[in-house]
């Protein structure tokens, strides 16, 4: 049974959200539950997806909503650590250019430091 874990680290200049597990129809509501509570107003939101090996259209929709929400509130979304399959989804859908992708690890403490409850979601 697939599951997803979401960790949030709130740093001085940015918020890092780390997702581990599939970003699919079953997991997106649990991820959204966490991301909806994150303050994006005038902040950099760094989404660490190095632990996401699979993403479907629901995951793409989640990324687009986060990107739009951050922009509306004067913030900025950065994607980090896209594996091959999620990157392929962005390429196939022609949406890769919508996102700012970073290659270095987002700054912060080693390992996730949850400032919001860690979500262990099982569909």
Protein backbone atom coordinates (compact mmCIF):
# COMPACT_ATOMS: atom_id res chain seq x y z
CA UNK A 1 0.00 0.00 0.00
CA UNK A 2 1.62 3.27 -1.11
CA UNK A 3 2.07 6.11 1.35
CA UNK A 4 3.47 9.61 1.36
CA UNK A 5 5.34 11.54 4.02
CA UNK A 6 5.49 15.32 4.06
CA UNK A 7 7.99 17.28 6.15
CA UNK A 8 8.06 21.05 6.58
CA UNK A 9 11.09 23.12 7.62
CA UNK A 10 10.37 26.79 8.17
CA UNK A 11 13.60 28.76 7.75
CA UNK A 12 14.19 32.50 7.94
CA UNK A 13 13.95 33.19 4.20
CA UNK A 14 12.10 30.14 2.90
CA UNK A 15 9.97 27.16 3.70
CA UNK A 16 11.20 23.75 2.59
CA UNK A 17 8.59 21.05 2.02
CA UNK A 18 10.00 17.57 1.54
CA UNK A 19 7.76 14.94 -0.04
CA UNK A 20 8.65 11.25 0.12
CA UNK A 21 6.48 8.78 -1.78
CA UNK A 22 4.36 8.84 -4.91
CA UNK A 23 2.69 12.13 -5.83
CA UNK A 24 -0.50 10.65 -7.26
CA UNK A 25 -4.28 10.81 -7.01
CA UNK A 26 -4.27 8.96 -3.69
CA UNK A 27 -1.52 11.02 -2.05
CA UNK A 28 -2.24 14.55 -3.32
CA UNK A 29 -5.07 15.30 -0.86
CA UNK A 30 -2.76 14.49 2.06
CA UNK A 31 0.05 16.60 0.61
CA UNK A 32 -2.36 19.48 -0.06
CA UNK A 33 -3.58 19.28 3.52
CA UNK A 34 -0.07 20.19 4.64
CA UNK A 35 0.84 22.65 1.88
CA UNK A 36 -2.41 24.58 2.33
CA UNK A 37 -1.30 25.47 5.87
CA UNK A 38 2.12 26.77 4.80
CA UNK A 39 2.57 30.55 4.68
CA UNK A 40 3.71 31.46 1.16
CA UNK A 41 3.21 35.22 1.51
CA UNK A 42 6.42 36.89 0.25
CA UNK A 43 8.41 33.70 0.86
CA UNK A 44 10.32 31.20 -1.19
CA UNK A 45 8.63 27.82 -1.10
CA UNK A 46 11.16 25.10 -1.90
CA UNK A 47 9.55 21.78 -2.75
CA UNK A 48 12.06 18.94 -2.31
CA UNK A 49 10.88 16.11 -4.56
CA UNK A 50 14.02 13.97 -4.45
CA UNK A 51 11.96 11.29 -2.65
CA UNK A 52 9.23 11.23 -5.33
CA UNK A 53 9.83 8.52 -7.94
CA UNK A 54 6.34 8.70 -9.49
CA UNK A 55 4.01 11.59 -10.28
CA UNK A 56 0.75 11.53 -12.22
CA UNK A 57 -1.53 14.31 -13.50
CA UNK A 58 -2.82 14.91 -9.97
CA UNK A 59 0.72 15.61 -8.81
CA UNK A 60 1.21 17.99 -11.71
CA UNK A 61 -2.00 19.78 -10.76
CA UNK A 62 -0.76 20.08 -7.18
CA UNK A 63 2.51 21.64 -8.37
CA UNK A 64 0.64 24.07 -10.60
CA UNK A 65 -1.67 25.09 -7.74
CA UNK A 66 1.27 25.63 -5.39
CA UNK A 67 3.05 27.69 -8.04
CA UNK A 68 -0.03 29.82 -8.71
CA UNK A 69 -0.78 30.30 -5.00
CA UNK A 70 2.79 31.33 -4.24
CA UNK A 71 2.74 33.85 -7.10
CA UNK A 72 -0.59 35.34 -6.04
CA UNK A 73 0.79 35.98 -2.55
CA UNK A 74 4.10 37.49 -3.67
CA UNK A 75 6.02 34.28 -3.06
CA UNK A 76 8.02 32.00 -5.31
CA UNK A 77 8.01 28.22 -5.80
CA UNK A 78 11.24 26.32 -6.47
CA UNK A 79 11.34 22.62 -7.28
CA UNK A 80 14.33 20.61 -6.17
CA UNK A 81 15.41 17.04 -6.86
CA UNK A 82 13.05 15.99 -9.63
CA UNK A 83 13.63 12.37 -10.52
CA UNK A 84 13.35 11.10 -14.10
CA UNK A 85 9.67 10.12 -14.17
CA UNK A 86 8.25 13.35 -12.64
CA UNK A 87 10.54 15.37 -14.92
CA UNK A 88 9.23 13.34 -17.86
CA UNK A 89 5.64 14.23 -16.88
CA UNK A 90 6.56 17.93 -17.00
CA UNK A 91 8.24 17.44 -20.38
CA UNK A 92 5.34 15.44 -21.87
CA UNK A 93 2.78 18.02 -20.76
CA UNK A 94 4.87 21.00 -21.84
CA UNK A 95 4.71 22.45 -18.32
CA UNK A 96 8.37 22.27 -17.35
CA UNK A 97 8.86 25.94 -18.21
CA UNK A 98 6.21 26.94 -15.66
CA UNK A 99 8.50 25.98 -12.80
CA UNK A 100 11.79 27.21 -11.44
CA UNK A 101 13.99 24.18 -10.77
CA UNK A 102 17.07 24.25 -8.59
CA UNK A 103 19.82 21.69 -8.49
CA UNK A 104 21.51 22.36 -5.16
CA UNK A 105 19.96 20.99 -2.02
CA UNK A 106 17.68 23.56 -0.42
CA UNK A 107 19.32 25.23 2.57
CA UNK A 108 18.34 24.01 5.96
CA UNK A 109 19.15 21.50 8.63
CA UNK A 110 20.23 18.01 7.68
CA UNK A 111 17.11 15.93 7.58
CA UNK A 112 13.57 17.23 7.89
CA UNK A 113 12.59 19.41 10.83
CA UNK A 114 8.83 19.41 11.03
CA UNK A 115 7.22 22.62 12.17
CA UNK A 116 3.85 21.39 11.09
CA UNK A 117 2.74 17.90 12.06
CA UNK A 118 4.45 15.31 9.90
CA UNK A 119 1.85 13.69 7.73
CA UNK A 120 2.00 9.94 7.25
CA UNK A 121 -0.67 9.42 4.66
CA UNK A 122 -1.89 6.13 3.38
CA UNK A 123 -4.56 6.13 0.69
